[in-house]
Amino acid sequence: ARVLKPGGQLYFSSIARNRLARWIMINLAENILRLVPQGTHDPDKFIGFDQMREILTRHGLMTTASSGIGPTGWRRGPTFGSLPLKSVMYHGIAVRCHQPSKRGELPADGTVLN
């Protein structure tokens, strides 16, 4: 966040930290369907959406857009796109607000500079 100018945008994505995401990404994708090599995903690095938003906010970023990501079809393999649920994978855009306070809080009015 410190390298973004006020109004700058950050794209983020992660795998959610819960049992369903772990089962789908490791057991299903790696071990059963073998869509990716075993060991590709490290569940210790998964971050839930609410936790991600808290981290971004603490660093002076406001989430402006987000959605779930997942398989939306099949064409010589799975195709991926936006989904309404963020329970397995998600992505979004955060915008740098005013300079965060020493405690890392956003301005009270949530102002975003352009």
PDB file of N, CA and C in Angstrom:
ATOM      1  N   ALA A   1       0.821  -1.199   0.000  1.00  0.00           N
ATOM      2  CA  ALA A   1       0.000   0.000   0.000  1.00  0.00           C
ATOM      3  C   ALA A   1       0.858   1.253   0.000  1.00  0.00           C
ATOM      4  N   ARG A   2       2.027   1.184   0.617  1.00  0.00           N
ATOM      5  CA  ARG A   2       2.845   2.397   0.727  1.00  0.00           C
ATOM      6  C   ARG A   2       3.393   2.869  -0.611  1.00  0.00           C
ATOM      7  N   VAL A   3       3.419   2.001  -1.626  1.00  0.00           N
ATOM      8  CA  VAL A   3       3.920   2.419  -2.932  1.00  0.00           C
ATOM      9  C   VAL A   3       2.822   2.973  -3.831  1.00  0.00           C
ATOM     10  N   LEU A   4       1.566   2.877  -3.392  1.00  0.00           N
ATOM     11  CA  LEU A   4       0.448   3.416  -4.171  1.00  0.00           C
ATOM     12  C   LEU A   4       0.227   4.886  -3.828  1.00  0.00           C
ATOM     13  N   LYS A   5       0.006   5.685  -4.850  1.00  0.00           N
ATOM     14  CA  LYS A   5      -0.396   7.071  -4.620  1.00  0.00           C
ATOM     15  C   LYS A   5      -1.852   7.060  -4.161  1.00  0.00           C
ATOM     16  N   PRO A   6      -2.291   8.082  -3.440  1.00  0.00           N
ATOM     17  CA  PRO A   6      -3.716   8.164  -3.127  1.00  0.00           C
ATOM     18  C   PRO A   6      -4.538   8.067  -4.413  1.00  0.00           C
ATOM     19  N   GLY A   7      -5.529   7.205  -4.415  1.00  0.00           N
ATOM     20  CA  GLY A   7      -6.343   6.957  -5.597  1.00  0.00           C
ATOM     21  C   GLY A   7      -5.828   5.790  -6.431  1.00  0.00           C
ATOM     22  N   GLY A   8      -4.607   5.305  -6.127  1.00  0.00           N
ATOM     23  CA  GLY A   8      -4.054   4.165  -6.851  1.00  0.00           C
ATOM     24  C   GLY A   8      -4.826   2.889  -6.535  1.00  0.00           C
ATOM     25  N   GLN A   9      -4.846   1.976  -7.494  1.00  0.00           N
ATOM     26  CA  GLN A   9      -5.615   0.741  -7.337  1.00  0.00           C
ATOM     27  C   GLN A   9      -4.706  -0.464  -7.160  1.00  0.00           C
ATOM     28  N   LEU A  10      -5.162  -1.408  -6.341  1.00  0.00           N
ATOM     29  CA  LEU A  10      -4.467  -2.660  -6.099  1.00  0.00           C
ATOM     30  C   LEU A  10      -5.414  -3.805  -6.424  1.00  0.00           C
ATOM     31  N   TYR A  11      -4.978  -4.718  -7.287  1.00  0.00           N
ATOM     32  CA  TYR A  11      -5.765  -5.920  -7.573  1.00  0.00           C
ATOM     33  C   TYR A  11      -5.333  -6.987  -6.580  1.00  0.00           C
ATOM     34  N   PHE A  12      -6.283  -7.685  -5.967  1.00  0.00           N
ATOM     35  CA  PHE A  12      -5.950  -8.756  -5.033  1.00  0.00           C
ATOM     36  C   PHE A  12      -6.792  -9.983  -5.337  1.00  0.00           C
ATOM     37  N   SER A  13      -6.254 -11.138  -4.984  1.00  0.00           N
ATOM     38  CA  SER A  13      -6.998 -12.395  -5.102  1.00  0.00           C
ATOM     39  C   SER A  13      -6.421 -13.377  -4.105  1.00  0.00           C
ATOM     40  N   SER A  14      -7.244 -14.301  -3.668  1.00  0.00           N
ATOM     41  CA  SER A  14      -6.781 -15.325  -2.734  1.00  0.00           C
ATOM     42  C   SER A  14      -7.761 -16.482  -2.716  1.00  0.00           C
ATOM     43  N   ILE A  15      -7.325 -17.520  -2.063  1.00  0.00           N
ATOM     44  CA  ILE A  15      -8.191 -18.657  -1.766  1.00  0.00           C
ATOM     45  C   ILE A  15      -8.671 -18.450  -0.339  1.00  0.00           C
ATOM     46  N   ALA A  16      -9.951 -18.646  -0.111  1.00  0.00           N
ATOM     47  CA  ALA A  16     -10.530 -18.448   1.214  1.00  0.00           C
ATOM     48  C   ALA A  16      -9.958 -19.469   2.197  1.00  0.00           C
ATOM     49  N   ARG A  17      -9.937 -19.092   3.456  1.00  0.00           N
ATOM     50  CA  ARG A  17      -9.404 -19.981   4.499  1.00  0.00           C
ATOM     51  C   ARG A  17     -10.576 -20.643   5.219  1.00  0.00           C
ATOM     52  N   ASN A  18     -10.997 -21.789   4.706  1.00  0.00           N
ATOM     53  CA  ASN A  18     -12.044 -22.574   5.344  1.00  0.00           C
ATOM     54  C   ASN A  18     -11.952 -24.021   4.848  1.00  0.00           C
ATOM     55  N   ARG A  19     -12.693 -24.910   5.466  1.00  0.00           N
ATOM     56  CA  ARG A  19     -12.618 -26.332   5.108  1.00  0.00           C
ATOM     57  C   ARG A  19     -13.054 -26.612   3.678  1.00  0.00           C
ATOM     58  N   LEU A  20     -14.097 -25.929   3.214  1.00  0.00           N
ATOM     59  CA  LEU A  20     -14.583 -26.144   1.857  1.00  0.00           C
ATOM     60  C   LEU A  20     -13.503 -25.765   0.835  1.00  0.00           C
ATOM     61  N   ALA A  21     -12.895 -24.598   1.003  1.00  0.00           N
ATOM     62  CA  ALA A  21     -11.854 -24.150   0.074  1.00  0.00           C
ATOM     63  C   ALA A  21     -10.669 -25.114   0.091  1.00  0.00           C
ATOM     64  N   ARG A  22     -10.283 -25.539   1.273  1.00  0.00           N
ATOM     65  CA  ARG A  22      -9.164 -26.483   1.380  1.00  0.00           C
ATOM     66  C   ARG A  22      -9.498 -27.787   0.666  1.00  0.00           C
ATOM     67  N   TRP A  23     -10.707 -28.295   0.862  1.00  0.00           N
ATOM     68  CA  TRP A  23     -11.095 -29.552   0.222  1.00  0.00           C
ATOM     69  C   TRP A  23     -11.115 -29.406  -1.297  1.00  0.00           C
ATOM     70  N   ILE A  24     -11.715 -28.329  -1.792  1.00  0.00           N
ATOM     71  CA  ILE A  24     -11.806 -28.135  -3.244  1.00  0.00           C
ATOM     72  C   ILE A  24     -10.432 -27.906  -3.867  1.00  0.00           C
ATOM     73  N   MET A  25      -9.641 -27.029  -3.288  1.00  0.00           N
ATOM     74  CA  MET A  25      -8.374 -26.650  -3.917  1.00  0.00           C
ATOM     75  C   MET A  25      -7.300 -27.726  -3.778  1.00  0.00           C
ATOM     76  N   ILE A  26      -7.279 -28.445  -2.665  1.00  0.00           N
ATOM     77  CA  ILE A  26      -6.233 -29.450  -2.469  1.00  0.00           C
ATOM     78  C   ILE A  26      -6.732 -30.848  -2.821  1.00  0.00           C
ATOM     79  N   ASN A  27      -7.777 -31.300  -2.142  1.00  0.00           N
ATOM     80  CA  ASN A  27      -8.246 -32.664  -2.400  1.00  0.00           C
ATOM     81  C   ASN A  27      -8.785 -32.826  -3.818  1.00  0.00           C
ATOM     82  N   LEU A  28      -9.678 -31.947  -4.224  1.00  0.00           N
ATOM     83  CA  LEU A  28     -10.300 -32.093  -5.538  1.00  0.00           C
ATOM     84  C   LEU A  28      -9.349 -31.679  -6.674  1.00  0.00           C
ATOM     85  N   ALA A  29      -8.865 -30.444  -6.665  1.00  0.00           N
ATOM     86  CA  ALA A  29      -8.059 -29.937  -7.781  1.00  0.00           C
ATOM     87  C   ALA A  29      -6.692 -30.613  -7.898  1.00  0.00           C
ATOM     88  N   GLU A  30      -6.034 -30.856  -6.761  1.00  0.00           N
ATOM     89  CA  GLU A  30      -4.694 -31.446  -6.809  1.00  0.00           C
ATOM     90  C   GLU A  30      -4.713 -32.973  -6.833  1.00  0.00           C
ATOM     91  N   ASN A  31      -5.477 -33.576  -5.921  1.00  0.00           N
ATOM     92  CA  ASN A  31      -5.387 -35.025  -5.730  1.00  0.00           C
ATOM     93  C   ASN A  31      -6.346 -35.846  -6.583  1.00  0.00           C
ATOM     94  N   ILE A  32      -7.561 -35.371  -6.771  1.00  0.00           N
ATOM     95  CA  ILE A  32      -8.556 -36.174  -7.504  1.00  0.00           C
ATOM     96  C   ILE A  32      -8.541 -35.837  -8.991  1.00  0.00           C
ATOM     97  N   LEU A  33      -8.785 -34.580  -9.346  1.00  0.00           N
ATOM     98  CA  LEU A  33      -8.838 -34.188 -10.755  1.00  0.00           C
ATOM     99  C   LEU A  33      -7.454 -33.950 -11.361  1.00  0.00           C
ATOM    100  N   ARG A  34      -6.472 -33.723 -10.516  1.00  0.00           N
ATOM    101  CA  ARG A  34      -5.087 -33.457 -10.958  1.00  0.00           C
ATOM    102  C   ARG A  34      -5.015 -32.302 -11.972  1.00  0.00           C
ATOM    103  N   LEU A  35      -5.778 -31.241 -11.674  1.00  0.00           N
ATOM    104  CA  LEU A  35      -5.758 -30.051 -12.527  1.00  0.00           C
ATOM    105  C   LEU A  35      -4.459 -29.267 -12.361  1.00  0.00           C
ATOM    106  N   VAL A  36      -3.874 -29.358 -11.185  1.00  0.00           N
ATOM    107  CA  VAL A  36      -2.598 -28.704 -10.885  1.00  0.00           C
ATOM    108  C   VAL A  36      -1.720 -29.711 -10.140  1.00  0.00           C
ATOM    109  N   PRO A  37      -0.407 -29.524 -10.175  1.00  0.00           N
ATOM    110  CA  PRO A  37       0.480 -30.465  -9.480  1.00  0.00           C
ATOM    111  C   PRO A  37       0.224 -30.494  -7.975  1.00  0.00           C
ATOM    112  N   GLN A  38       0.411 -31.667  -7.370  1.00  0.00           N
ATOM    113  CA  GLN A  38       0.267 -31.789  -5.925  1.00  0.00           C
ATOM    114  C   GLN A  38       1.272 -30.862  -5.244  1.00  0.00           C
ATOM    115  N   GLY A  39       0.821 -30.218  -4.183  1.00  0.00           N
ATOM    116  CA  GLY A  39       1.663 -29.284  -3.449  1.00  0.00           C
ATOM    117  C   GLY A  39       1.594 -27.854  -3.958  1.00  0.00           C
ATOM    118  N   THR A  40       0.789 -27.607  -4.996  1.00  0.00           N
ATOM    119  CA  THR A  40       0.656 -26.252  -5.543  1.00  0.00           C
ATOM    120  C   THR A  40       0.110 -25.292  -4.489  1.00  0.00           C
ATOM    121  N   HIS A  41      -0.890 -25.718  -3.741  1.00  0.00           N
ATOM    122  CA  HIS A  41      -1.556 -24.840  -2.776  1.00  0.00           C
ATOM    123  C   HIS A  41      -1.057 -25.100  -1.360  1.00  0.00           C
ATOM    124  N   ASP A  42      -0.772 -24.026  -0.644  1.00  0.00           N
ATOM    125  CA  ASP A  42      -0.367 -24.097   0.760  1.00  0.00           C
ATOM    126  C   ASP A  42      -1.500 -23.524   1.600  1.00  0.00           C
ATOM    127  N   PRO A  43      -2.254 -24.390   2.300  1.00  0.00           N
ATOM    128  CA  PRO A  43      -3.411 -23.888   3.056  1.00  0.00           C
ATOM    129  C   PRO A  43      -3.055 -22.886   4.149  1.00  0.00           C
ATOM    130  N   ASP A  44      -1.801 -22.851   4.583  1.00  0.00           N
ATOM    131  CA  ASP A  44      -1.394 -21.862   5.580  1.00  0.00           C
ATOM    132  C   ASP A  44      -1.383 -20.449   5.005  1.00  0.00           C
ATOM    133  N   LYS A  45      -1.395 -20.337   3.676  1.00  0.00           N
ATOM    134  CA  LYS A  45      -1.390 -19.024   3.027  1.00  0.00           C
ATOM    135  C   LYS A  45      -2.778 -18.579   2.573  1.00  0.00           C
ATOM    136  N   PHE A  46      -3.793 -19.406   2.758  1.00  0.00           N
ATOM    137  CA  PHE A  46      -5.160 -19.029   2.406  1.00  0.00           C
ATOM    138  C   PHE A  46      -5.611 -17.927   3.353  1.00  0.00           C
ATOM    139  N   ILE A  47      -6.386 -16.955   2.831  1.00  0.00           N
ATOM    140  CA  ILE A  47      -6.875 -15.829   3.636  1.00  0.00           C
ATOM    141  C   ILE A  47      -8.362 -15.640   3.339  1.00  0.00           C
ATOM    142  N   GLY A  48      -9.174 -15.606   4.366  1.00  0.00           N
ATOM    143  CA  GLY A  48     -10.601 -15.358   4.187  1.00  0.00           C
ATOM    144  C   GLY A  48     -10.844 -13.940   3.689  1.00  0.00           C
ATOM    145  N   PHE A  49     -11.960 -13.732   2.999  1.00  0.00           N
ATOM    146  CA  PHE A  49     -12.249 -12.414   2.421  1.00  0.00           C
ATOM    147  C   PHE A  49     -12.332 -11.333   3.498  1.00  0.00           C
ATOM    148  N   ASP A  50     -13.015 -11.606   4.601  1.00  0.00           N
ATOM    149  CA  ASP A  50     -13.130 -10.585   5.657  1.00  0.00           C
ATOM    150  C   ASP A  50     -11.763 -10.230   6.228  1.00  0.00           C
ATOM    151  N   GLN A  51     -10.899 -11.224   6.402  1.00  0.00           N
ATOM    152  CA  GLN A  51      -9.553 -10.968   6.906  1.00  0.00           C
ATOM    153  C   GLN A  51      -8.761 -10.134   5.895  1.00  0.00           C
ATOM    154  N   MET A  52      -8.898 -10.448   4.605  1.00  0.00           N
ATOM    155  CA  MET A  52      -8.214  -9.675   3.566  1.00  0.00           C
ATOM    156  C   MET A  52      -8.667  -8.217   3.602  1.00  0.00           C
ATOM    157  N   ARG A  53      -9.974  -8.011   3.723  1.00  0.00           N
ATOM    158  CA  ARG A  53     -10.507  -6.642   3.759  1.00  0.00           C
ATOM    159  C   ARG A  53      -9.985  -5.894   4.988  1.00  0.00           C
ATOM    160  N   GLU A  54      -9.883  -6.570   6.124  1.00  0.00           N
ATOM    161  CA  GLU A  54      -9.344  -5.938   7.334  1.00  0.00           C
ATOM    162  C   GLU A  54      -7.886  -5.533   7.140  1.00  0.00           C
ATOM    163  N   ILE A  55      -7.104  -6.404   6.518  1.00  0.00           N
ATOM    164  CA  ILE A  55      -5.693  -6.091   6.263  1.00  0.00           C
ATOM    165  C   ILE A  55      -5.581  -4.886   5.330  1.00  0.00           C
ATOM    166  N   LEU A  56      -6.361  -4.883   4.274  1.00  0.00           N
ATOM    167  CA  LEU A  56      -6.336  -3.760   3.331  1.00  0.00           C
ATOM    168  C   LEU A  56      -6.731  -2.463   4.022  1.00  0.00           C
ATOM    169  N   THR A  57      -7.776  -2.502   4.818  1.00  0.00           N
ATOM    170  CA  THR A  57      -8.245  -1.307   5.534  1.00  0.00           C
ATOM    171  C   THR A  57      -7.174  -0.792   6.483  1.00  0.00           C
ATOM    172  N   ARG A  58      -6.539  -1.697   7.197  1.00  0.00           N
ATOM    173  CA  ARG A  58      -5.484  -1.316   8.140  1.00  0.00           C
ATOM    174  C   ARG A  58      -4.339  -0.583   7.433  1.00  0.00           C
ATOM    175  N   HIS A  59      -4.157  -0.861   6.154  1.00  0.00           N
ATOM    176  CA  HIS A  59      -3.083  -0.229   5.391  1.00  0.00           C
ATOM    177  C   HIS A  59      -3.571   0.901   4.486  1.00  0.00           C
ATOM    178  N   GLY A  60      -4.770   1.406   4.776  1.00  0.00           N
ATOM    179  CA  GLY A  60      -5.263   2.582   4.076  1.00  0.00           C
ATOM    180  C   GLY A  60      -5.897   2.316   2.723  1.00  0.00           C
ATOM    181  N   LEU A  61      -6.340   1.098   2.492  1.00  0.00           N
ATOM    182  CA  LEU A  61      -6.981   0.735   1.230  1.00  0.00           C
ATOM    183  C   LEU A  61      -8.450   0.414   1.464  1.00  0.00           C
ATOM    184  N   MET A  62      -9.288   0.812   0.522  1.00  0.00           N
ATOM    185  CA  MET A  62     -10.715   0.535   0.611  1.00  0.00           C
ATOM    186  C   MET A  62     -11.107  -0.372  -0.557  1.00  0.00           C
ATOM    187  N   THR A  63     -11.753  -1.488  -0.247  1.00  0.00           N
ATOM    188  CA  THR A  63     -12.206  -2.405  -1.289  1.00  0.00           C
ATOM    189  C   THR A  63     -13.365  -1.768  -2.045  1.00  0.00           C
ATOM    190  N   THR A  64     -13.209  -1.638  -3.369  1.00  0.00           N
ATOM    191  CA  THR A  64     -14.239  -0.996  -4.180  1.00  0.00           C
ATOM    192  C   THR A  64     -14.999  -1.982  -5.055  1.00  0.00           C
ATOM    193  N   ALA A  65     -14.429  -3.147  -5.300  1.00  0.00           N
ATOM    194  CA  ALA A  65     -15.099  -4.168  -6.109  1.00  0.00           C
ATOM    195  C   ALA A  65     -14.558  -5.525  -5.696  1.00  0.00           C
ATOM    196  N   SER A  66     -15.422  -6.536  -5.675  1.00  0.00           N
ATOM    197  CA  SER A  66     -14.975  -7.889  -5.352  1.00  0.00           C
ATOM    198  C   SER A  66     -16.024  -8.894  -5.801  1.00  0.00           C
ATOM    199  N   SER A  67     -15.570 -10.094  -6.060  1.00  0.00           N
ATOM    200  CA  SER A  67     -16.482 -11.190  -6.382  1.00  0.00           C
ATOM    201  C   SER A  67     -15.757 -12.501  -6.157  1.00  0.00           C
ATOM    202  N   GLY A  68     -16.525 -13.573  -6.133  1.00  0.00           N
ATOM    203  CA  GLY A  68     -15.929 -14.892  -6.064  1.00  0.00           C
ATOM    204  C   GLY A  68     -15.377 -15.261  -7.432  1.00  0.00           C
ATOM    205  N   ILE A  69     -14.514 -16.255  -7.465  1.00  0.00           N
ATOM    206  CA  ILE A  69     -13.965 -16.780  -8.713  1.00  0.00           C
ATOM    207  C   ILE A  69     -14.174 -18.293  -8.678  1.00  0.00           C
ATOM    208  N   GLY A  70     -14.504 -18.862  -9.807  1.00  0.00           N
ATOM    209  CA  GLY A  70     -14.652 -20.309  -9.857  1.00  0.00           C
ATOM    210  C   GLY A  70     -14.937 -20.787 -11.255  1.00  0.00           C
ATOM    211  N   PRO A  71     -15.069 -22.103 -11.401  1.00  0.00           N
ATOM    212  CA  PRO A  71     -15.339 -22.662 -12.722  1.00  0.00           C
ATOM    213  C   PRO A  71     -16.715 -22.234 -13.223  1.00  0.00           C
ATOM    214  N   THR A  72     -16.744 -21.800 -14.476  1.00  0.00           N
ATOM    215  CA  THR A  72     -18.010 -21.365 -15.079  1.00  0.00           C
ATOM    216  C   THR A  72     -18.355 -22.175 -16.321  1.00  0.00           C
ATOM    217  N   GLY A  73     -17.490 -23.095 -16.682  1.00  0.00           N
ATOM    218  CA  GLY A  73     -17.746 -23.916 -17.855  1.00  0.00           C
ATOM    219  C   GLY A  73     -16.580 -24.835 -18.150  1.00  0.00           C
ATOM    220  N   TRP A  74     -16.610 -25.457 -19.303  1.00  0.00           N
ATOM    221  CA  TRP A  74     -15.565 -26.393 -19.696  1.00  0.00           C
ATOM    222  C   TRP A  74     -15.272 -26.226 -21.178  1.00  0.00           C
ATOM    223  N   ARG A  75     -14.030 -25.976 -21.525  1.00  0.00           N
ATOM    224  CA  ARG A  75     -13.591 -25.898 -22.916  1.00  0.00           C
ATOM    225  C   ARG A  75     -12.151 -26.390 -22.944  1.00  0.00           C
ATOM    226  N   ARG A  76     -11.979 -27.675 -23.240  1.00  0.00           N
ATOM    227  CA  ARG A  76     -10.658 -28.312 -23.176  1.00  0.00           C
ATOM    228  C   ARG A  76     -10.046 -28.160 -21.795  1.00  0.00           C
ATOM    229  N   GLY A  77     -10.862 -28.097 -20.809  1.00  0.00           N
ATOM    230  CA  GLY A  77     -10.472 -27.875 -19.422  1.00  0.00           C
ATOM    231  C   GLY A  77     -11.419 -26.860 -18.823  1.00  0.00           C
ATOM    232  N   PRO A  78     -11.346 -26.669 -17.529  1.00  0.00           N
ATOM    233  CA  PRO A  78     -12.276 -25.730 -16.886  1.00  0.00           C
ATOM    234  C   PRO A  78     -11.988 -24.283 -17.282  1.00  0.00           C
ATOM    235  N   THR A  79     -13.056 -23.518 -17.443  1.00  0.00           N
ATOM    236  CA  THR A  79     -12.928 -22.076 -17.641  1.00  0.00           C
ATOM    237  C   THR A  79     -13.398 -21.398 -16.359  1.00  0.00           C
ATOM    238  N   PHE A  80     -12.780 -20.302 -16.023  1.00  0.00           N
ATOM    239  CA  PHE A  80     -13.064 -19.630 -14.766  1.00  0.00           C
ATOM    240  C   PHE A  80     -13.612 -18.237 -15.018  1.00  0.00           C
ATOM    241  N   GLY A  81     -14.442 -17.790 -14.093  1.00  0.00           N
ATOM    242  CA  GLY A  81     -15.019 -16.464 -14.181  1.00  0.00           C
ATOM    243  C   GLY A  81     -15.547 -16.035 -12.829  1.00  0.00           C
ATOM    244  N   SER A  82     -16.217 -14.902 -12.796  1.00  0.00           N
ATOM    245  CA  SER A  82     -16.760 -14.361 -11.545  1.00  0.00           C
ATOM    246  C   SER A  82     -17.975 -15.141 -11.090  1.00  0.00           C
ATOM    247  N   LEU A  83     -18.072 -15.314  -9.783  1.00  0.00           N
ATOM    248  CA  LEU A  83     -19.195 -15.980  -9.130  1.00  0.00           C
ATOM    249  C   LEU A  83     -19.664 -15.116  -7.966  1.00  0.00           C
ATOM    250  N   PRO A  84     -20.921 -15.262  -7.544  1.00  0.00           N
ATOM    251  CA  PRO A  84     -21.413 -14.430  -6.441  1.00  0.00           C
ATOM    252  C   PRO A  84     -20.842 -14.809  -5.069  1.00  0.00           C
ATOM    253  N   LEU A  85     -20.396 -16.040  -4.886  1.00  0.00           N
ATOM    254  CA  LEU A  85     -19.905 -16.488  -3.576  1.00  0.00           C
ATOM    255  C   LEU A  85     -18.387 -16.381  -3.484  1.00  0.00           C
ATOM    256  N   LYS A  86     -17.905 -15.917  -2.326  1.00  0.00           N
ATOM    257  CA  LYS A  86     -16.468 -15.775  -2.095  1.00  0.00           C
ATOM    258  C   LYS A  86     -15.953 -16.860  -1.155  1.00  0.00           C
ATOM    259  N   SER A  87     -16.668 -17.970  -1.055  1.00  0.00           N
ATOM    260  CA  SER A  87     -16.340 -18.992  -0.071  1.00  0.00           C
ATOM    261  C   SER A  87     -15.188 -19.903  -0.464  1.00  0.00           C
ATOM    262  N   VAL A  88     -14.751 -19.895  -1.726  1.00  0.00           N
ATOM    263  CA  VAL A  88     -13.615 -20.728  -2.140  1.00  0.00           C
ATOM    264  C   VAL A  88     -12.479 -19.852  -2.657  1.00  0.00           C
ATOM    265  N   MET A  89     -12.713 -19.091  -3.702  1.00  0.00           N
ATOM    266  CA  MET A  89     -11.713 -18.159  -4.238  1.00  0.00           C
ATOM    267  C   MET A  89     -12.396 -16.813  -4.471  1.00  0.00           C
ATOM    268  N   TYR A  90     -11.610 -15.745  -4.399  1.00  0.00           N
ATOM    269  CA  TYR A  90     -12.176 -14.412  -4.626  1.00  0.00           C
ATOM    270  C   TYR A  90     -11.101 -13.486  -5.174  1.00  0.00           C
ATOM    271  N   HIS A  91     -11.554 -12.376  -5.728  1.00  0.00           N
ATOM    272  CA  HIS A  91     -10.643 -11.334  -6.184  1.00  0.00           C
ATOM    273  C   HIS A  91     -11.337  -9.993  -6.040  1.00  0.00           C
ATOM    274  N   GLY A  92     -10.563  -8.927  -6.165  1.00  0.00           N
ATOM    275  CA  GLY A  92     -11.162  -7.613  -6.042  1.00  0.00           C
ATOM    276  C   GLY A  92     -10.168  -6.506  -6.312  1.00  0.00           C
ATOM    277  N   ILE A  93     -10.657  -5.305  -6.167  1.00  0.00           N
ATOM    278  CA  ILE A  93      -9.852  -4.100  -6.357  1.00  0.00           C
ATOM    279  C   ILE A  93      -9.993  -3.248  -5.100  1.00  0.00           C
ATOM    280  N   ALA A  94      -8.861  -2.750  -4.635  1.00  0.00           N
ATOM    281  CA  ALA A  94      -8.850  -1.834  -3.493  1.00  0.00           C
ATOM    282  C   ALA A  94      -8.183  -0.542  -3.939  1.00  0.00           C
ATOM    283  N   VAL A  95      -8.628   0.568  -3.378  1.00  0.00           N
ATOM    284  CA  VAL A  95      -8.115   1.889  -3.735  1.00  0.00           C
ATOM    285  C   VAL A  95      -7.455   2.508  -2.518  1.00  0.00           C
ATOM    286  N   ARG A  96      -6.309   3.125  -2.735  1.00  0.00           N
ATOM    287  CA  ARG A  96      -5.605   3.812  -1.654  1.00  0.00           C
ATOM    288  C   ARG A  96      -6.344   5.094  -1.325  1.00  0.00           C
ATOM    289  N   CYS A  97      -6.699   5.244  -0.068  1.00  0.00           N
ATOM    290  CA  CYS A  97      -7.394   6.444   0.407  1.00  0.00           C
ATOM    291  C   CYS A  97      -6.357   7.461   0.873  1.00  0.00           C
ATOM    292  N   HIS A  98      -6.838   8.453   1.621  1.00  0.00           N
ATOM    293  CA  HIS A  98      -5.920   9.411   2.244  1.00  0.00           C
ATOM    294  C   HIS A  98      -4.848   8.655   2.995  1.00  0.00           C
ATOM    295  N   GLN A  99      -3.785   9.345   3.328  1.00  0.00           N
ATOM    296  CA  GLN A  99      -2.722   8.757   4.132  1.00  0.00           C
ATOM    297  C   GLN A  99      -3.337   8.180   5.406  1.00  0.00           C
ATOM    298  N   PRO A 100      -3.086   6.871   5.707  1.00  0.00           N
ATOM    299  CA  PRO A 100      -3.659   6.304   6.925  1.00  0.00           C
ATOM    300  C   PRO A 100      -3.068   6.957   8.169  1.00  0.00           C
ATOM    301  N   SER A 101      -3.833   6.938   9.238  1.00  0.00           N
ATOM    302  CA  SER A 101      -3.341   7.474  10.502  1.00  0.00           C
ATOM    303  C   SER A 101      -2.273   6.544  11.047  1.00  0.00           C
ATOM    304  N   LYS A 102      -1.655   6.926  12.131  1.00  0.00           N
ATOM    305  CA  LYS A 102      -0.612   6.082  12.726  1.00  0.00           C
ATOM    306  C   LYS A 102      -1.166   4.733  13.152  1.00  0.00           C
ATOM    307  N   ARG A 103      -2.447   4.661  13.431  1.00  0.00           N
ATOM    308  CA  ARG A 103      -3.061   3.391  13.801  1.00  0.00           C
ATOM    309  C   ARG A 103      -3.566   2.645  12.581  1.00  0.00           C
ATOM    310  N   GLY A 104      -3.373   3.190  11.381  1.00  0.00           N
ATOM    311  CA  GLY A 104      -3.768   2.525  10.153  1.00  0.00           C
ATOM    312  C   GLY A 104      -5.245   2.627   9.829  1.00  0.00           C
ATOM    313  N   GLU A 105      -5.930   3.649  10.353  1.00  0.00           N
ATOM    314  CA  GLU A 105      -7.366   3.780  10.111  1.00  0.00           C
ATOM    315  C   GLU A 105      -7.635   4.618   8.878  1.00  0.00           C
ATOM    316  N   LEU A 106      -8.763   4.361   8.242  1.00  0.00           N
ATOM    317  CA  LEU A 106      -9.201   5.168   7.114  1.00  0.00           C
ATOM    318  C   LEU A 106      -9.782   6.476   7.617  1.00  0.00           C
ATOM    319  N   PRO A 107      -9.854   7.481   6.762  1.00  0.00           N
ATOM    320  CA  PRO A 107     -10.538   8.703   7.152  1.00  0.00           C
ATOM    321  C   PRO A 107     -11.980   8.376   7.544  1.00  0.00           C
ATOM    322  N   ALA A 108     -12.526   9.129   8.480  1.00  0.00           N
ATOM    323  CA  ALA A 108     -13.875   8.858   8.967  1.00  0.00           C
ATOM    324  C   ALA A 108     -14.903   8.865   7.849  1.00  0.00           C
ATOM    325  N   ASP A 109     -14.701   9.706   6.826  1.00  0.00           N
ATOM    326  CA  ASP A 109     -15.678   9.766   5.746  1.00  0.00           C
ATOM    327  C   ASP A 109     -15.386   8.764   4.634  1.00  0.00           C
ATOM    328  N   GLY A 110     -14.281   7.977   4.742  1.00  0.00           N
ATOM    329  CA  GLY A 110     -13.951   6.984   3.729  1.00  0.00           C
ATOM    330  C   GLY A 110     -13.580   7.575   2.383  1.00  0.00           C
ATOM    331  N   THR A 111     -13.133   8.838   2.379  1.00  0.00           N
ATOM    332  CA  THR A 111     -12.834   9.543   1.150  1.00  0.00           C
ATOM    333  C   THR A 111     -11.751   8.835   0.341  1.00  0.00           C
ATOM    334  N   VAL A 112     -11.980   8.708  -0.940  1.00  0.00           N
ATOM    335  CA  VAL A 112     -10.986   8.179  -1.864  1.00  0.00           C
ATOM    336  C   VAL A 112     -10.535   9.322  -2.753  1.00  0.00           C
ATOM    337  N   LEU A 113      -9.222   9.501  -2.856  1.00  0.00           N
ATOM    338  CA  LEU A 113      -8.695  10.562  -3.698  1.00  0.00           C
ATOM    339  C   LEU A 113      -8.516  10.055  -5.117  1.00  0.00           C
ATOM    340  N   ASN A 114      -8.804  10.887  -6.089  1.00  0.00           N
ATOM    341  CA  ASN A 114      -8.578  10.532  -7.496  1.00  0.00           C
ATOM    342  C   ASN A 114      -7.437  11.331  -8.058  1.00  0.00           C
TER     343      ASN A 114
END
